Amino acid sequence: MSFNDGERPALVLPRLSRPVEKPRAAVLLLHGGREHGTDVPSPWNLPGVRLRLFEGAIRRSTSGGAVLMGRVRYRVRGWNGEREDPAHDARQALRELEQLTGDVPTVLVGHSMGARAALRAAGNPLVRGVVGLAPWCPAGEPVAHLRDRRVALLHGDQDRTTDPGSSLDFASRAGAAGAEAATVLLRGGDHAMLRRARAWHALTAGTVAGFLGLAELPAAIADQVHGRRDGERDGSSYDMP
């Protein structure tokens, strides 16, 4: 894999992740950031550390398959309006992944701004599904490219940073556009995903494994995406007690 002078790869393969000699699938993590900001995030920035807490659960849930785990490295910290910097980084990471592994089914897991970037990049043919954690989904976000993708948005009902109602609206529009979309509201959950952390981790890990066909989907997700497939639901939500 070659890069232009001074260009850093956007795909990072953590040394602590399970080694996979010949991957048959992949999971890429995209951490949160800021609405604006052109400084370079450090390798151990807090949003990145927060999402790494999910890695162990995802590795365990996908242990039945040769799944490569990676992270998307951002050039800058912010979304930065029309620049959409993290979305470009996500697309670049997917191109690098394909150069490395070939055509492998991939699930993107993003938190907050990272979820927005993951949803924007999900039109790439490698992507089978997106798990958005407390996603930042402003009104009018595009959804047409999500047709035939699986989308699960998990949001705490006590989130004061991103709006749970926006997740419901996004999933509804994505479902109408042909995605198998689901939304789960976690009672008492917050934006940092520290409250009810076990529920966040278990639901995320189970959904990733289900999207890759390695396990049954969690009931909170399966009821919605199967209903969507049967034409009964349109990005509905599940209130998780």
Protein backbone atom coordinates (compact mmCIF):
# COMPACT_ATOMS: atom_id res chain seq x y z
CA MET A 1 0.00 0.00 0.00
CA SER A 2 1.50 3.34 -1.00
CA PHE A 3 0.68 6.89 0.02
CA ASN A 4 1.59 10.35 -1.15
CA ASP A 5 4.47 12.12 0.55
CA GLY A 6 3.39 13.29 3.99
CA GLU A 7 0.06 11.46 3.86
CA ARG A 8 -0.80 9.31 6.87
CA PRO A 9 -2.94 6.22 6.46
CA ALA A 10 -6.47 6.65 7.77
CA LEU A 11 -6.78 2.99 8.74
CA VAL A 12 -5.18 1.94 12.02
CA LEU A 13 -4.88 -1.71 13.01
CA PRO A 14 -4.45 -1.84 16.81
CA ARG A 15 -1.68 -4.08 18.03
CA LEU A 16 -3.89 -5.37 20.82
CA SER A 17 -6.59 -6.61 18.46
CA ARG A 18 -6.87 -10.29 17.66
CA PRO A 19 -4.46 -11.10 14.78
CA VAL A 20 -6.25 -12.26 11.64
CA GLU A 21 -4.15 -13.84 8.91
CA LYS A 22 -6.85 -13.91 6.24
CA PRO A 23 -9.79 -11.68 7.23
CA ARG A 24 -13.25 -12.62 6.05
CA ALA A 25 -14.89 -9.54 7.57
CA ALA A 26 -13.92 -6.31 9.26
CA VAL A 27 -15.11 -3.84 11.89
CA LEU A 28 -13.95 -0.22 11.85
CA LEU A 29 -14.38 2.09 14.85
CA LEU A 30 -14.89 5.84 14.48
CA HIS A 31 -14.68 7.92 17.66
CA GLY A 32 -16.34 11.24 18.35
CA GLY A 33 -14.97 14.73 17.90
CA ARG A 34 -16.16 18.31 17.62
CA GLU A 35 -18.32 20.36 15.32
CA HIS A 36 -15.34 22.59 14.53
CA GLY A 37 -11.62 22.06 15.03
CA THR A 38 -8.55 21.75 12.83
CA ASP A 39 -6.06 20.54 15.43
CA VAL A 40 -4.83 16.97 15.16
CA PRO A 41 -6.33 14.62 17.78
CA SER A 42 -3.79 12.77 19.87
CA PRO A 43 -3.68 8.96 19.73
CA TRP A 44 -5.06 8.83 23.29
CA ASN A 45 -7.71 11.54 23.04
CA LEU A 46 -10.69 10.99 25.35
CA PRO A 47 -13.29 10.26 22.60
CA GLY A 48 -10.95 7.62 21.17
CA VAL A 49 -10.38 6.01 24.54
CA ARG A 50 -14.12 6.00 25.18
CA LEU A 51 -14.80 3.98 22.05
CA ARG A 52 -11.92 1.59 22.65
CA LEU A 53 -13.82 0.36 25.70
CA PHE A 54 -16.13 -1.38 23.20
CA GLU A 55 -13.35 -3.32 21.47
CA GLY A 56 -13.20 -6.23 23.88
CA ALA A 57 -16.94 -6.88 23.70
CA ILE A 58 -16.89 -6.72 19.89
CA ARG A 59 -13.89 -9.05 19.66
CA ARG A 60 -15.65 -11.58 21.86
CA SER A 61 -18.92 -11.38 19.91
CA THR A 62 -17.09 -11.93 16.60
CA SER A 63 -14.69 -14.62 17.80
CA GLY A 64 -16.42 -17.20 15.60
CA GLY A 65 -15.19 -15.51 12.43
CA ALA A 66 -11.92 -14.20 10.99
CA VAL A 67 -12.80 -10.56 11.70
CA LEU A 68 -10.24 -7.79 11.41
CA MET A 69 -10.67 -4.91 13.87
CA GLY A 70 -9.48 -1.45 12.90
CA ARG A 71 -9.92 2.22 13.70
CA VAL A 72 -10.31 5.29 11.53
CA ARG A 73 -7.68 7.95 12.21
CA TYR A 74 -8.83 11.52 11.70
CA ARG A 75 -6.58 14.15 10.20
CA VAL A 76 -8.28 16.84 12.31
CA ARG A 77 -10.61 16.85 15.29
CA GLY A 78 -13.68 18.59 13.84
CA TRP A 79 -16.39 18.01 11.24
CA ASN A 80 -15.81 21.53 9.92
CA GLY A 81 -18.95 22.24 7.94
CA GLU A 82 -18.84 21.50 4.25
CA ARG A 83 -15.32 20.09 4.61
CA GLU A 84 -16.77 16.99 6.33
CA ASP A 85 -13.27 15.97 7.33
CA PRO A 86 -14.11 12.76 9.27
CA ALA A 87 -16.33 11.48 6.45
CA HIS A 88 -13.41 11.82 4.03
CA ASP A 89 -11.16 10.00 6.51
CA ALA A 90 -13.72 7.19 6.83
CA ARG A 91 -13.92 6.76 3.05
CA GLN A 92 -10.12 6.75 2.83
CA ALA A 93 -9.89 4.09 5.56
CA LEU A 94 -12.34 1.90 3.63
CA ARG A 95 -10.24 2.25 0.47
CA GLU A 96 -7.14 1.26 2.45
CA LEU A 97 -9.00 -1.67 3.98
CA GLU A 98 -9.99 -2.95 0.54
CA GLN A 99 -6.38 -2.71 -0.64
CA LEU A 100 -5.34 -4.74 2.38
CA THR A 101 -8.06 -7.41 2.53
CA GLY A 102 -10.03 -7.29 -0.71
CA ASP A 103 -13.82 -7.28 -0.71
CA VAL A 104 -14.74 -8.20 2.86
CA PRO A 105 -18.10 -7.38 4.52
CA THR A 106 -17.53 -4.51 6.93
CA VAL A 107 -19.46 -2.97 9.81
CA LEU A 108 -18.76 0.60 10.90
CA VAL A 109 -19.21 1.49 14.57
CA GLY A 110 -19.20 5.22 15.27
CA HIS A 111 -19.90 7.43 18.27
CA SER A 112 -21.38 10.92 17.98
CA MET A 113 -19.47 12.72 15.18
CA GLY A 114 -17.93 9.37 14.27
CA ALA A 115 -21.40 7.94 13.76
CA ARG A 116 -22.22 10.76 11.37
CA ALA A 117 -19.01 10.03 9.45
CA ALA A 118 -19.81 6.31 9.41
CA LEU A 119 -23.30 6.92 8.06
CA ARG A 120 -21.92 9.24 5.36
CA ALA A 121 -19.33 6.64 4.30
CA ALA A 122 -21.76 3.70 4.29
CA GLY A 123 -22.34 3.90 0.55
CA ASN A 124 -19.01 2.10 0.05
CA PRO A 125 -19.69 -1.40 -1.34
CA LEU A 126 -17.77 -3.02 1.54
CA VAL A 127 -20.18 -1.70 4.16
CA ARG A 128 -22.95 -4.05 5.24
CA GLY A 129 -24.08 -2.12 8.26
CA VAL A 130 -23.54 0.80 10.61
CA VAL A 131 -23.94 0.91 14.37
CA GLY A 132 -24.30 4.53 15.47
CA LEU A 133 -23.80 5.27 19.17
CA ALA A 134 -25.40 8.52 20.37
CA PRO A 135 -25.13 9.67 16.75
CA TRP A 136 -25.00 13.24 15.57
CA CYS A 137 -27.70 13.27 12.89
CA PRO A 138 -28.60 16.86 11.93
CA ALA A 139 -31.80 17.45 10.00
CA GLY A 140 -31.44 16.77 6.30
CA GLU A 141 -28.59 14.24 6.52
CA PRO A 142 -28.54 12.14 3.30
CA VAL A 143 -30.05 8.66 3.47
CA ALA A 144 -30.51 7.48 -0.14
CA HIS A 145 -27.09 5.78 -0.19
CA LEU A 146 -28.15 3.57 2.75
CA ARG A 147 -30.51 1.47 0.65
CA ASP A 148 -29.95 -2.25 1.37
CA ARG A 149 -27.70 -1.39 4.32
CA ARG A 150 -28.46 -2.27 7.92
CA VAL A 151 -28.47 0.67 10.31
CA ALA A 152 -28.80 0.49 14.09
CA LEU A 153 -28.83 3.71 16.09
CA LEU A 154 -28.42 3.40 19.86
CA HIS A 155 -29.16 6.51 21.91
CA GLY A 156 -29.48 7.25 25.60
CA ASP A 157 -32.70 9.04 26.47
CA GLN A 158 -30.76 11.33 28.86
CA ASP A 159 -28.31 12.50 26.18
CA ARG A 160 -27.82 16.27 26.40
CA THR A 161 -25.23 16.53 23.61
CA THR A 162 -26.95 14.91 20.64
CA ASP A 163 -30.71 14.60 20.24
CA PRO A 164 -32.33 11.16 20.56
CA GLY A 165 -35.23 12.47 18.51
CA SER A 166 -32.87 13.10 15.59
CA SER A 167 -31.90 9.42 15.64
CA LEU A 168 -35.55 8.43 15.44
CA ASP A 169 -36.10 10.78 12.52
CA PHE A 170 -32.96 9.63 10.69
CA ALA A 171 -33.82 5.95 11.08
CA SER A 172 -37.34 6.58 9.83
CA ARG A 173 -36.05 8.35 6.72
CA ALA A 174 -33.37 5.69 6.16
CA GLY A 175 -36.01 2.98 6.40
CA ALA A 176 -38.17 4.79 3.87
CA ALA A 177 -35.12 4.93 1.56
CA GLY A 178 -34.70 1.15 1.68
CA ALA A 179 -32.39 0.58 4.65
CA GLU A 180 -33.13 -1.97 7.36
CA ALA A 181 -33.12 0.64 10.11
CA ALA A 182 -33.60 0.35 13.85
CA THR A 183 -33.36 2.70 16.81
CA VAL A 184 -32.93 1.66 20.44
CA LEU A 185 -33.41 4.20 23.23
CA LEU A 186 -31.59 3.22 26.43
CA ARG A 187 -33.39 4.54 29.48
CA GLY A 188 -31.01 6.54 31.64
CA GLY A 189 -28.23 6.40 29.03
CA ASP A 190 -25.99 9.44 28.54
CA HIS A 191 -23.82 10.74 25.71
CA ALA A 192 -20.57 9.43 27.17
CA MET A 193 -22.08 5.92 27.35
CA LEU A 194 -20.85 5.55 30.93
CA ARG A 195 -24.26 5.05 32.46
CA ARG A 196 -25.48 1.54 31.67
CA ALA A 197 -22.12 0.78 30.07
CA ARG A 198 -22.77 -2.98 30.05
CA ALA A 199 -25.97 -2.52 28.07
CA TRP A 200 -24.20 -0.26 25.56
CA HIS A 201 -21.37 -2.76 25.08
CA ALA A 202 -23.56 -5.86 24.89
CA LEU A 203 -26.05 -4.36 22.44
CA THR A 204 -23.31 -2.96 20.22
CA ALA A 205 -21.30 -6.18 20.17
CA GLY A 206 -24.37 -8.31 19.53
CA THR A 207 -25.53 -6.06 16.69
CA VAL A 208 -22.11 -6.12 15.02
CA ALA A 209 -22.01 -9.92 15.18
CA GLY A 210 -25.57 -10.10 13.86
CA PHE A 211 -24.85 -7.73 10.97
CA LEU A 212 -21.89 -9.96 9.99
CA GLY A 213 -23.99 -13.12 10.20
CA LEU A 214 -22.00 -14.55 13.10
CA ALA A 215 -24.87 -14.59 15.61
CA GLU A 216 -28.53 -13.83 15.97
CA LEU A 217 -29.30 -10.14 16.18
CA PRO A 218 -30.35 -8.83 19.61
CA ALA A 219 -34.13 -8.89 19.87
CA ALA A 220 -34.31 -5.10 20.20
CA ILE A 221 -32.74 -4.83 16.73
CA ALA A 222 -34.10 -7.96 15.09
CA ASP A 223 -37.74 -7.08 15.71
CA GLN A 224 -37.27 -3.83 13.82
CA VAL A 225 -35.09 -4.89 10.87
CA HIS A 226 -37.14 -8.03 10.27
CA GLY A 227 -40.28 -5.96 10.43
CA ARG A 228 -38.77 -3.55 7.93
CA ARG A 229 -38.00 -6.47 5.63
CA ASP A 230 -41.65 -7.54 5.83
CA GLY A 231 -42.82 -4.00 5.12
CA GLU A 232 -44.29 -3.51 8.58
CA ARG A 233 -41.92 -0.96 10.07
CA ASP A 234 -39.99 2.05 8.91
CA GLY A 235 -37.05 2.71 11.19
CA SER A 236 -39.13 2.25 14.33
CA SER A 237 -37.69 2.39 17.84
CA TYR A 238 -37.36 0.14 20.84
CA ASP A 239 -37.33 1.52 24.35
CA MET A 240 -34.84 -0.54 26.32
CA PRO A 241 -35.64 -0.55 30.05
